[in-house]
Amino acid sequence: MVSLEVSPLLAHETAKTVAAAKELSSRRAVQPVHQDPCTKEGLPAIEEAIFAGVPVNVTLLFSREQYVAAAEAYLRGIERRIAAGSIPGRSVPRCHQPLDAAVAARFR
């Protein structure tokens, strides 16, 4: 995978972050991984990207609370995909791999 960073200038703009991630994702020459910030505004963008099937590499994780918030945004995105009838694949960005067992346990 190739990591494409959503502009850091959008770190506090949820809607623009989501739009940028979707636009970058539409360039499917390679499957990009989007780097989205773990800011208050970035968390909804992380959820939206996961829901849309866009891989995300969460950045700006400096505390346990931020890690938990990012994990919860990830899980909300996965839950929305499942509720919409779309089963998420096993290919997840490396920053989410520690969550794999937690996600699997939650949906057993």
PDB file of N, CA and C in Angstrom:
ATOM      1  N   MET A   1       0.834  -1.177   0.000  1.00  0.00           N
ATOM      2  CA  MET A   1       0.000   0.000   0.000  1.00  0.00           C
ATOM      3  C   MET A   1       0.878   1.239   0.000  1.00  0.00           C
ATOM      4  N   VAL A   2       0.315   2.294  -0.503  1.00  0.00           N
ATOM      5  CA  VAL A   2       0.988   3.584  -0.518  1.00  0.00           C
ATOM      6  C   VAL A   2       0.283   4.481   0.481  1.00  0.00           C
ATOM      7  N   SER A   3       1.049   5.193   1.280  1.00  0.00           N
ATOM      8  CA  SER A   3       0.457   6.094   2.265  1.00  0.00           C
ATOM      9  C   SER A   3       0.374   7.493   1.690  1.00  0.00           C
ATOM     10  N   LEU A   4      -0.839   8.016   1.587  1.00  0.00           N
ATOM     11  CA  LEU A   4      -1.070   9.377   1.115  1.00  0.00           C
ATOM     12  C   LEU A   4      -1.636  10.183   2.263  1.00  0.00           C
ATOM     13  N   GLU A   5      -0.998  11.283   2.573  1.00  0.00           N
ATOM     14  CA  GLU A   5      -1.421  12.073   3.722  1.00  0.00           C
ATOM     15  C   GLU A   5      -2.439  13.127   3.320  1.00  0.00           C
ATOM     16  N   VAL A   6      -3.541  13.141   4.047  1.00  0.00           N
ATOM     17  CA  VAL A   6      -4.480  14.246   3.905  1.00  0.00           C
ATOM     18  C   VAL A   6      -3.756  15.464   4.476  1.00  0.00           C
ATOM     19  N   SER A   7      -3.898  16.590   3.843  1.00  0.00           N
ATOM     20  CA  SER A   7      -3.163  17.784   4.248  1.00  0.00           C
ATOM     21  C   SER A   7      -3.308  18.074   5.745  1.00  0.00           C
ATOM     22  N   PRO A   8      -2.198  18.313   6.429  1.00  0.00           N
ATOM     23  CA  PRO A   8      -2.267  18.679   7.845  1.00  0.00           C
ATOM     24  C   PRO A   8      -3.042  19.974   8.064  1.00  0.00           C
ATOM     25  N   LEU A   9      -3.170  20.776   7.039  1.00  0.00           N
ATOM     26  CA  LEU A   9      -3.930  22.021   7.152  1.00  0.00           C
ATOM     27  C   LEU A   9      -5.419  21.744   7.385  1.00  0.00           C
ATOM     28  N   LEU A  10      -5.841  20.498   7.148  1.00  0.00           N
ATOM     29  CA  LEU A  10      -7.246  20.122   7.324  1.00  0.00           C
ATOM     30  C   LEU A  10      -7.492  19.432   8.667  1.00  0.00           C
ATOM     31  N   ALA A  11      -6.500  19.390   9.547  1.00  0.00           N
ATOM     32  CA  ALA A  11      -6.592  18.638  10.799  1.00  0.00           C
ATOM     33  C   ALA A  11      -7.783  19.030  11.668  1.00  0.00           C
ATOM     34  N   HIS A  12      -8.276  20.235  11.504  1.00  0.00           N
ATOM     35  CA  HIS A  12      -9.396  20.696  12.336  1.00  0.00           C
ATOM     36  C   HIS A  12     -10.647  20.962  11.506  1.00  0.00           C
ATOM     37  N   GLU A  13     -10.727  20.321  10.331  1.00  0.00           N
ATOM     38  CA  GLU A  13     -11.878  20.504   9.441  1.00  0.00           C
ATOM     39  C   GLU A  13     -12.384  19.140   8.980  1.00  0.00           C
ATOM     40  N   THR A  14     -13.365  18.609   9.707  1.00  0.00           N
ATOM     41  CA  THR A  14     -13.868  17.259   9.460  1.00  0.00           C
ATOM     42  C   THR A  14     -14.328  17.063   8.021  1.00  0.00           C
ATOM     43  N   ALA A  15     -15.227  17.897   7.559  1.00  0.00           N
ATOM     44  CA  ALA A  15     -15.814  17.707   6.223  1.00  0.00           C
ATOM     45  C   ALA A  15     -14.751  17.766   5.130  1.00  0.00           C
ATOM     46  N   LYS A  16     -13.814  18.692   5.244  1.00  0.00           N
ATOM     47  CA  LYS A  16     -12.770  18.810   4.225  1.00  0.00           C
ATOM     48  C   LYS A  16     -11.802  17.626   4.291  1.00  0.00           C
ATOM     49  N   THR A  17     -11.556  17.106   5.493  1.00  0.00           N
ATOM     50  CA  THR A  17     -10.702  15.922   5.631  1.00  0.00           C
ATOM     51  C   THR A  17     -11.350  14.723   4.956  1.00  0.00           C
ATOM     52  N   VAL A  18     -12.654  14.521   5.206  1.00  0.00           N
ATOM     53  CA  VAL A  18     -13.386  13.414   4.582  1.00  0.00           C
ATOM     54  C   VAL A  18     -13.363  13.563   3.068  1.00  0.00           C
ATOM     55  N   ALA A  19     -13.634  14.763   2.568  1.00  0.00           N
ATOM     56  CA  ALA A  19     -13.641  14.996   1.118  1.00  0.00           C
ATOM     57  C   ALA A  19     -12.266  14.721   0.510  1.00  0.00           C
ATOM     58  N   ALA A  20     -11.214  15.166   1.180  1.00  0.00           N
ATOM     59  CA  ALA A  20      -9.858  14.944   0.667  1.00  0.00           C
ATOM     60  C   ALA A  20      -9.511  13.459   0.657  1.00  0.00           C
ATOM     61  N   ALA A  21      -9.886  12.738   1.714  1.00  0.00           N
ATOM     62  CA  ALA A  21      -9.610  11.300   1.769  1.00  0.00           C
ATOM     63  C   ALA A  21     -10.344  10.568   0.660  1.00  0.00           C
ATOM     64  N   LYS A  22     -11.604  10.929   0.427  1.00  0.00           N
ATOM     65  CA  LYS A  22     -12.371  10.269  -0.646  1.00  0.00           C
ATOM     66  C   LYS A  22     -11.784  10.607  -2.013  1.00  0.00           C
ATOM     67  N   GLU A  23     -11.353  11.847  -2.189  1.00  0.00           N
ATOM     68  CA  GLU A  23     -10.772  12.244  -3.478  1.00  0.00           C
ATOM     69  C   GLU A  23      -9.478  11.486  -3.725  1.00  0.00           C
ATOM     70  N   LEU A  24      -8.621  11.401  -2.712  1.00  0.00           N
ATOM     71  CA  LEU A  24      -7.374  10.649  -2.866  1.00  0.00           C
ATOM     72  C   LEU A  24      -7.655   9.172  -3.115  1.00  0.00           C
ATOM     73  N   SER A  25      -8.664   8.647  -2.447  1.00  0.00           N
ATOM     74  CA  SER A  25      -9.011   7.237  -2.598  1.00  0.00           C
ATOM     75  C   SER A  25      -9.532   6.926  -3.992  1.00  0.00           C
ATOM     76  N   SER A  26     -10.112   7.917  -4.651  1.00  0.00           N
ATOM     77  CA  SER A  26     -10.655   7.687  -5.992  1.00  0.00           C
ATOM     78  C   SER A  26      -9.552   7.464  -7.024  1.00  0.00           C
ATOM     79  N   ARG A  27      -8.344   7.813  -6.693  1.00  0.00           N
ATOM     80  CA  ARG A  27      -7.189   7.591  -7.577  1.00  0.00           C
ATOM     81  C   ARG A  27      -6.671   6.185  -7.344  1.00  0.00           C
ATOM     82  N   ARG A  28      -7.344   5.202  -7.863  1.00  0.00           N
ATOM     83  CA  ARG A  28      -7.086   3.798  -7.525  1.00  0.00           C
ATOM     84  C   ARG A  28      -5.983   3.145  -8.344  1.00  0.00           C
ATOM     85  N   ALA A  29      -4.952   3.893  -8.747  1.00  0.00           N
ATOM     86  CA  ALA A  29      -3.822   3.239  -9.399  1.00  0.00           C
ATOM     87  C   ALA A  29      -3.151   2.294  -8.400  1.00  0.00           C
ATOM     88  N   VAL A  30      -3.152   2.691  -7.167  1.00  0.00           N
ATOM     89  CA  VAL A  30      -2.703   1.865  -6.053  1.00  0.00           C
ATOM     90  C   VAL A  30      -3.729   2.045  -4.953  1.00  0.00           C
ATOM     91  N   GLN A  31      -3.757   1.128  -3.996  1.00  0.00           N
ATOM     92  CA  GLN A  31      -4.691   1.316  -2.892  1.00  0.00           C
ATOM     93  C   GLN A  31      -4.017   2.174  -1.840  1.00  0.00           C
ATOM     94  N   PRO A  32      -4.468   3.415  -1.703  1.00  0.00           N
ATOM     95  CA  PRO A  32      -3.815   4.295  -0.741  1.00  0.00           C
ATOM     96  C   PRO A  32      -4.271   4.035   0.687  1.00  0.00           C
ATOM     97  N   VAL A  33      -3.407   4.387   1.610  1.00  0.00           N
ATOM     98  CA  VAL A  33      -3.741   4.429   3.030  1.00  0.00           C
ATOM     99  C   VAL A  33      -3.704   5.904   3.393  1.00  0.00           C
ATOM    100  N   HIS A  34      -4.783   6.394   3.943  1.00  0.00           N
ATOM    101  CA  HIS A  34      -4.843   7.816   4.268  1.00  0.00           C
ATOM    102  C   HIS A  34      -4.367   8.062   5.680  1.00  0.00           C
ATOM    103  N   GLN A  35      -3.573   9.096   5.833  1.00  0.00           N
ATOM    104  CA  GLN A  35      -3.099   9.493   7.144  1.00  0.00           C
ATOM    105  C   GLN A  35      -4.032  10.584   7.642  1.00  0.00           C
ATOM    106  N   ASP A  36      -4.858  10.244   8.612  1.00  0.00           N
ATOM    107  CA  ASP A  36      -5.802  11.194   9.184  1.00  0.00           C
ATOM    108  C   ASP A  36      -5.407  11.483  10.623  1.00  0.00           C
ATOM    109  N   PRO A  37      -5.516  12.741  11.043  1.00  0.00           N
ATOM    110  CA  PRO A  37      -5.090  13.102  12.391  1.00  0.00           C
ATOM    111  C   PRO A  37      -6.096  12.692  13.460  1.00  0.00           C
ATOM    112  N   CYS A  38      -5.572  12.358  14.624  1.00  0.00           N
ATOM    113  CA  CYS A  38      -6.425  12.017  15.761  1.00  0.00           C
ATOM    114  C   CYS A  38      -6.735  13.298  16.542  1.00  0.00           C
ATOM    115  N   THR A  39      -7.388  14.221  15.871  1.00  0.00           N
ATOM    116  CA  THR A  39      -7.859  15.448  16.507  1.00  0.00           C
ATOM    117  C   THR A  39      -9.354  15.302  16.738  1.00  0.00           C
ATOM    118  N   LYS A  40      -9.928  16.215  17.492  1.00  0.00           N
ATOM    119  CA  LYS A  40     -11.376  16.179  17.732  1.00  0.00           C
ATOM    120  C   LYS A  40     -12.124  16.141  16.396  1.00  0.00           C
ATOM    121  N   GLU A  41     -11.663  16.942  15.441  1.00  0.00           N
ATOM    122  CA  GLU A  41     -12.302  16.996  14.131  1.00  0.00           C
ATOM    123  C   GLU A  41     -11.890  15.833  13.235  1.00  0.00           C
ATOM    124  N   GLY A  42     -10.731  15.255  13.504  1.00  0.00           N
ATOM    125  CA  GLY A  42     -10.259  14.135  12.691  1.00  0.00           C
ATOM    126  C   GLY A  42     -10.963  12.828  13.011  1.00  0.00           C
ATOM    127  N   LEU A  43     -11.460  12.679  14.233  1.00  0.00           N
ATOM    128  CA  LEU A  43     -12.124  11.428  14.619  1.00  0.00           C
ATOM    129  C   LEU A  43     -13.343  11.109  13.758  1.00  0.00           C
ATOM    130  N   PRO A  44     -14.246  12.069  13.485  1.00  0.00           N
ATOM    131  CA  PRO A  44     -15.360  11.751  12.577  1.00  0.00           C
ATOM    132  C   PRO A  44     -14.868  11.417  11.162  1.00  0.00           C
ATOM    133  N   ALA A  45     -13.763  12.040  10.752  1.00  0.00           N
ATOM    134  CA  ALA A  45     -13.201  11.743   9.425  1.00  0.00           C
ATOM    135  C   ALA A  45     -12.669  10.316   9.381  1.00  0.00           C
ATOM    136  N   ILE A  46     -12.060   9.859  10.479  1.00  0.00           N
ATOM    137  CA  ILE A  46     -11.570   8.479  10.557  1.00  0.00           C
ATOM    138  C   ILE A  46     -12.745   7.520  10.443  1.00  0.00           C
ATOM    139  N   GLU A  47     -13.808   7.776  11.204  1.00  0.00           N
ATOM    140  CA  GLU A  47     -15.012   6.931  11.142  1.00  0.00           C
ATOM    141  C   GLU A  47     -15.588   6.898   9.734  1.00  0.00           C
ATOM    142  N   GLU A  48     -15.728   8.065   9.104  1.00  0.00           N
ATOM    143  CA  GLU A  48     -16.292   8.146   7.748  1.00  0.00           C
ATOM    144  C   GLU A  48     -15.435   7.389   6.741  1.00  0.00           C
ATOM    145  N   ALA A  49     -14.108   7.547   6.856  1.00  0.00           N
ATOM    146  CA  ALA A  49     -13.211   6.868   5.917  1.00  0.00           C
ATOM    147  C   ALA A  49     -13.325   5.355   6.070  1.00  0.00           C
ATOM    148  N   ILE A  50     -13.331   4.861   7.300  1.00  0.00           N
ATOM    149  CA  ILE A  50     -13.465   3.422   7.533  1.00  0.00           C
ATOM    150  C   ILE A  50     -14.811   2.939   6.998  1.00  0.00           C
ATOM    151  N   PHE A  51     -15.872   3.685   7.258  1.00  0.00           N
ATOM    152  CA  PHE A  51     -17.193   3.328   6.751  1.00  0.00           C
ATOM    153  C   PHE A  51     -17.190   3.257   5.222  1.00  0.00           C
ATOM    154  N   ALA A  52     -16.474   4.183   4.587  1.00  0.00           N
ATOM    155  CA  ALA A  52     -16.413   4.223   3.121  1.00  0.00           C
ATOM    156  C   ALA A  52     -15.457   3.173   2.555  1.00  0.00           C
ATOM    157  N   GLY A  53     -14.766   2.419   3.426  1.00  0.00           N
ATOM    158  CA  GLY A  53     -13.847   1.401   2.943  1.00  0.00           C
ATOM    159  C   GLY A  53     -12.464   1.934   2.605  1.00  0.00           C
ATOM    160  N   VAL A  54     -12.162   3.134   3.084  1.00  0.00           N
ATOM    161  CA  VAL A  54     -10.871   3.757   2.819  1.00  0.00           C
ATOM    162  C   VAL A  54      -9.923   3.431   3.973  1.00  0.00           C
ATOM    163  N   PRO A  55      -8.800   2.737   3.721  1.00  0.00           N
ATOM    164  CA  PRO A  55      -7.849   2.439   4.792  1.00  0.00           C
ATOM    165  C   PRO A  55      -7.274   3.728   5.387  1.00  0.00           C
ATOM    166  N   VAL A  56      -7.065   3.727   6.684  1.00  0.00           N
ATOM    167  CA  VAL A  56      -6.595   4.917   7.393  1.00  0.00           C
ATOM    168  C   VAL A  56      -5.399   4.581   8.271  1.00  0.00           C
ATOM    169  N   ASN A  57      -4.418   5.456   8.258  1.00  0.00           N
ATOM    170  CA  ASN A  57      -3.301   5.418   9.194  1.00  0.00           C
ATOM    171  C   ASN A  57      -3.491   6.643  10.078  1.00  0.00           C
ATOM    172  N   VAL A  58      -3.843   6.423  11.332  1.00  0.00           N
ATOM    173  CA  VAL A  58      -4.131   7.526  12.239  1.00  0.00           C
ATOM    174  C   VAL A  58      -2.827   8.152  12.715  1.00  0.00           C
ATOM    175  N   THR A  59      -2.754   9.478  12.645  1.00  0.00           N
ATOM    176  CA  THR A  59      -1.567  10.200  13.073  1.00  0.00           C
ATOM    177  C   THR A  59      -1.894  11.075  14.276  1.00  0.00           C
ATOM    178  N   LEU A  60      -0.881  11.673  14.843  1.00  0.00           N
ATOM    179  CA  LEU A  60      -1.008  12.581  15.992  1.00  0.00           C
ATOM    180  C   LEU A  60      -1.606  11.892  17.210  1.00  0.00           C
ATOM    181  N   LEU A  61      -1.150  10.665  17.460  1.00  0.00           N
ATOM    182  CA  LEU A  61      -1.568   9.921  18.652  1.00  0.00           C
ATOM    183  C   LEU A  61      -0.526  10.143  19.744  1.00  0.00           C
ATOM    184  N   PHE A  62      -0.874  10.938  20.746  1.00  0.00           N
ATOM    185  CA  PHE A  62       0.081  11.261  21.797  1.00  0.00           C
ATOM    186  C   PHE A  62      -0.350  10.806  23.184  1.00  0.00           C
ATOM    187  N   SER A  63      -1.523  10.216  23.299  1.00  0.00           N
ATOM    188  CA  SER A  63      -1.982   9.797  24.622  1.00  0.00           C
ATOM    189  C   SER A  63      -2.847   8.548  24.511  1.00  0.00           C
ATOM    190  N   ARG A  64      -3.017   7.902  25.644  1.00  0.00           N
ATOM    191  CA  ARG A  64      -3.899   6.735  25.705  1.00  0.00           C
ATOM    192  C   ARG A  64      -5.320   7.127  25.311  1.00  0.00           C
ATOM    193  N   GLU A  65      -5.764   8.291  25.762  1.00  0.00           N
ATOM    194  CA  GLU A  65      -7.126   8.754  25.455  1.00  0.00           C
ATOM    195  C   GLU A  65      -7.328   8.933  23.948  1.00  0.00           C
ATOM    196  N   GLN A  66      -6.309   9.458  23.274  1.00  0.00           N
ATOM    197  CA  GLN A  66      -6.411   9.605  21.822  1.00  0.00           C
ATOM    198  C   GLN A  66      -6.454   8.240  21.138  1.00  0.00           C
ATOM    199  N   TYR A  67      -5.644   7.304  21.622  1.00  0.00           N
ATOM    200  CA  TYR A  67      -5.645   5.962  21.040  1.00  0.00           C
ATOM    201  C   TYR A  67      -7.020   5.322  21.180  1.00  0.00           C
ATOM    202  N   VAL A  68      -7.615   5.437  22.377  1.00  0.00           N
ATOM    203  CA  VAL A  68      -8.941   4.875  22.616  1.00  0.00           C
ATOM    204  C   VAL A  68      -9.973   5.563  21.718  1.00  0.00           C
ATOM    205  N   ALA A  69      -9.890   6.883  21.592  1.00  0.00           N
ATOM    206  CA  ALA A  69     -10.829   7.622  20.732  1.00  0.00           C
ATOM    207  C   ALA A  69     -10.700   7.173  19.276  1.00  0.00           C
ATOM    208  N   ALA A  70      -9.459   6.954  18.815  1.00  0.00           N
ATOM    209  CA  ALA A  70      -9.252   6.484  17.438  1.00  0.00           C
ATOM    210  C   ALA A  70      -9.804   5.076  17.262  1.00  0.00           C
ATOM    211  N   ALA A  71      -9.584   4.218  18.268  1.00  0.00           N
ATOM    212  CA  ALA A  71     -10.108   2.850  18.205  1.00  0.00           C
ATOM    213  C   ALA A  71     -11.631   2.863  18.149  1.00  0.00           C
ATOM    214  N   GLU A  72     -12.252   3.719  18.935  1.00  0.00           N
ATOM    215  CA  GLU A  72     -13.713   3.813  18.929  1.00  0.00           C
ATOM    216  C   GLU A  72     -14.236   4.337  17.595  1.00  0.00           C
ATOM    217  N   ALA A  73     -13.546   5.309  16.999  1.00  0.00           N
ATOM    218  CA  ALA A  73     -13.948   5.813  15.677  1.00  0.00           C
ATOM    219  C   ALA A  73     -13.846   4.699  14.635  1.00  0.00           C
ATOM    220  N   TYR A  74     -12.763   3.916  14.720  1.00  0.00           N
ATOM    221  CA  TYR A  74     -12.572   2.777  13.822  1.00  0.00           C
ATOM    222  C   TYR A  74     -13.722   1.777  13.975  1.00  0.00           C
ATOM    223  N   LEU A  75     -14.040   1.428  15.220  1.00  0.00           N
ATOM    224  CA  LEU A  75     -15.113   0.462  15.463  1.00  0.00           C
ATOM    225  C   LEU A  75     -16.466   0.982  14.993  1.00  0.00           C
ATOM    226  N   ARG A  76     -16.734   2.269  15.202  1.00  0.00           N
ATOM    227  CA  ARG A  76     -17.998   2.836  14.702  1.00  0.00           C
ATOM    228  C   ARG A  76     -18.083   2.723  13.177  1.00  0.00           C
ATOM    229  N   GLY A  77     -16.966   2.991  12.499  1.00  0.00           N
ATOM    230  CA  GLY A  77     -16.955   2.857  11.042  1.00  0.00           C
ATOM    231  C   GLY A  77     -17.208   1.432  10.596  1.00  0.00           C
ATOM    232  N   ILE A  78     -16.569   0.461  11.277  1.00  0.00           N
ATOM    233  CA  ILE A  78     -16.774  -0.958  10.970  1.00  0.00           C
ATOM    234  C   ILE A  78     -18.218  -1.357  11.239  1.00  0.00           C
ATOM    235  N   GLU A  79     -18.756  -0.944  12.393  1.00  0.00           N
ATOM    236  CA  GLU A  79     -20.143  -1.277  12.733  1.00  0.00           C
ATOM    237  C   GLU A  79     -21.122  -0.719  11.705  1.00  0.00           C
ATOM    238  N   ARG A  80     -20.865   0.485  11.231  1.00  0.00           N
ATOM    239  CA  ARG A  80     -21.734   1.080  10.200  1.00  0.00           C
ATOM    240  C   ARG A  80     -21.648   0.286   8.896  1.00  0.00           C
ATOM    241  N   ARG A  81     -20.436  -0.164   8.539  1.00  0.00           N
ATOM    242  CA  ARG A  81     -20.285  -0.978   7.313  1.00  0.00           C
ATOM    243  C   ARG A  81     -21.091  -2.264   7.436  1.00  0.00           C
ATOM    244  N   ILE A  82     -20.985  -2.910   8.589  1.00  0.00           N
ATOM    245  CA  ILE A  82     -21.709  -4.162   8.798  1.00  0.00           C
ATOM    246  C   ILE A  82     -23.213  -3.909   8.759  1.00  0.00           C
ATOM    247  N   ALA A  83     -23.674  -2.842   9.418  1.00  0.00           N
ATOM    248  CA  ALA A  83     -25.099  -2.506   9.420  1.00  0.00           C
ATOM    249  C   ALA A  83     -25.604  -2.206   8.009  1.00  0.00           C
ATOM    250  N   ALA A  84     -24.724  -1.673   7.162  1.00  0.00           N
ATOM    251  CA  ALA A  84     -25.098  -1.363   5.779  1.00  0.00           C
ATOM    252  C   ALA A  84     -24.994  -2.586   4.874  1.00  0.00           C
ATOM    253  N   GLY A  85     -24.575  -3.723   5.450  1.00  0.00           N
ATOM    254  CA  GLY A  85     -24.489  -4.950   4.665  1.00  0.00           C
ATOM    255  C   GLY A  85     -23.165  -5.160   3.977  1.00  0.00           C
ATOM    256  N   SER A  86     -22.169  -4.362   4.299  1.00  0.00           N
ATOM    257  CA  SER A  86     -20.846  -4.498   3.701  1.00  0.00           C
ATOM    258  C   SER A  86     -19.906  -5.099   4.740  1.00  0.00           C
ATOM    259  N   ILE A  87     -19.375  -6.260   4.425  1.00  0.00           N
ATOM    260  CA  ILE A  87     -18.480  -6.936   5.355  1.00  0.00           C
ATOM    261  C   ILE A  87     -17.065  -6.418   5.137  1.00  0.00           C
ATOM    262  N   PRO A  88     -16.438  -5.881   6.188  1.00  0.00           N
ATOM    263  CA  PRO A  88     -15.077  -5.367   6.035  1.00  0.00           C
ATOM    264  C   PRO A  88     -14.095  -6.490   5.741  1.00  0.00           C
ATOM    265  N   GLY A  89     -13.085  -6.164   4.941  1.00  0.00           N
ATOM    266  CA  GLY A  89     -12.042  -7.131   4.614  1.00  0.00           C
ATOM    267  C   GLY A  89     -11.031  -7.263   5.730  1.00  0.00           C
ATOM    268  N   ARG A  90     -10.117  -8.210   5.570  1.00  0.00           N
ATOM    269  CA  ARG A  90      -9.078  -8.433   6.577  1.00  0.00           C
ATOM    270  C   ARG A  90      -7.874  -7.526   6.369  1.00  0.00           C
ATOM    271  N   SER A  91      -7.789  -6.827   5.258  1.00  0.00           N
ATOM    272  CA  SER A  91      -6.648  -5.955   5.015  1.00  0.00           C
ATOM    273  C   SER A  91      -6.859  -4.648   5.763  1.00  0.00           C
ATOM    274  N   VAL A  92      -6.152  -4.500   6.877  1.00  0.00           N
ATOM    275  CA  VAL A  92      -6.285  -3.287   7.678  1.00  0.00           C
ATOM    276  C   VAL A  92      -4.923  -2.632   7.820  1.00  0.00           C
ATOM    277  N   PRO A  93      -4.890  -1.323   7.916  1.00  0.00           N
ATOM    278  CA  PRO A  93      -3.606  -0.638   8.083  1.00  0.00           C
ATOM    279  C   PRO A  93      -2.907  -1.094   9.360  1.00  0.00           C
ATOM    280  N   ARG A  94      -1.595  -1.029   9.353  1.00  0.00           N
ATOM    281  CA  ARG A  94      -0.816  -1.556  10.472  1.00  0.00           C
ATOM    282  C   ARG A  94      -1.145  -0.898  11.793  1.00  0.00           C
ATOM    283  N   CYS A  95      -1.583   0.354  11.796  1.00  0.00           N
ATOM    284  CA  CYS A  95      -1.897   0.992  13.080  1.00  0.00           C
ATOM    285  C   CYS A  95      -3.155   0.392  13.687  1.00  0.00           C
ATOM    286  N   HIS A  96      -3.945  -0.308  12.899  1.00  0.00           N
ATOM    287  CA  HIS A  96      -5.161  -0.907  13.422  1.00  0.00           C
ATOM    288  C   HIS A  96      -5.002  -2.385  13.763  1.00  0.00           C
ATOM    289  N   GLN A  97      -3.893  -2.978  13.396  1.00  0.00           N
ATOM    290  CA  GLN A  97      -3.718  -4.401  13.637  1.00  0.00           C
ATOM    291  C   GLN A  97      -3.880  -4.792  15.101  1.00  0.00           C
ATOM    292  N   PRO A  98      -3.420  -3.981  16.074  1.00  0.00           N
ATOM    293  CA  PRO A  98      -3.662  -4.368  17.468  1.00  0.00           C
ATOM    294  C   PRO A  98      -5.149  -4.437  17.816  1.00  0.00           C
ATOM    295  N   LEU A  99      -5.970  -3.755  17.042  1.00  0.00           N
ATOM    296  CA  LEU A  99      -7.410  -3.765  17.306  1.00  0.00           C
ATOM    297  C   LEU A  99      -8.105  -4.974  16.700  1.00  0.00           C
ATOM    298  N   ASP A 100      -7.403  -5.717  15.844  1.00  0.00           N
ATOM    299  CA  ASP A 100      -8.023  -6.820  15.121  1.00  0.00           C
ATOM    300  C   ASP A 100      -8.705  -7.815  16.045  1.00  0.00           C
ATOM    301  N   ALA A 101      -8.025  -8.219  17.106  1.00  0.00           N
ATOM    302  CA  ALA A 101      -8.610  -9.195  18.037  1.00  0.00           C
ATOM    303  C   ALA A 101      -9.810  -8.601  18.754  1.00  0.00           C
ATOM    304  N   ALA A 102      -9.739  -7.320  19.112  1.00  0.00           N
ATOM    305  CA  ALA A 102     -10.859  -6.658  19.795  1.00  0.00           C
ATOM    306  C   ALA A 102     -12.072  -6.570  18.884  1.00  0.00           C
ATOM    307  N   VAL A 103     -11.836  -6.270  17.616  1.00  0.00           N
ATOM    308  CA  VAL A 103     -12.949  -6.192  16.655  1.00  0.00           C
ATOM    309  C   VAL A 103     -13.570  -7.577  16.471  1.00  0.00           C
ATOM    310  N   ALA A 104     -12.735  -8.580  16.285  1.00  0.00           N
ATOM    311  CA  ALA A 104     -13.236  -9.935  16.084  1.00  0.00           C
ATOM    312  C   ALA A 104     -14.054 -10.384  17.301  1.00  0.00           C
ATOM    313  N   ALA A 105     -13.549 -10.093  18.496  1.00  0.00           N
ATOM    314  CA  ALA A 105     -14.261 -10.501  19.717  1.00  0.00           C
ATOM    315  C   ALA A 105     -15.598  -9.775  19.841  1.00  0.00           C
ATOM    316  N   ARG A 106     -15.634  -8.537  19.442  1.00  0.00           N
ATOM    317  CA  ARG A 106     -16.863  -7.736  19.571  1.00  0.00           C
ATOM    318  C   ARG A 106     -17.980  -8.263  18.684  1.00  0.00           C
ATOM    319  N   PHE A 107     -17.633  -8.867  17.534  1.00  0.00           N
ATOM    320  CA  PHE A 107     -18.646  -9.316  16.587  1.00  0.00           C
ATOM    321  C   PHE A 107     -18.852 -10.824  16.586  1.00  0.00           C
ATOM    322  N   ARG A 108     -18.391 -11.516  17.621  1.00  0.00           N
ATOM    323  CA  ARG A 108     -18.626 -12.966  17.727  1.00  0.00           C
ATOM    324  C   ARG A 108     -19.996 -13.247  18.246  1.00  0.00           C
TER     325      ARG A 108
END
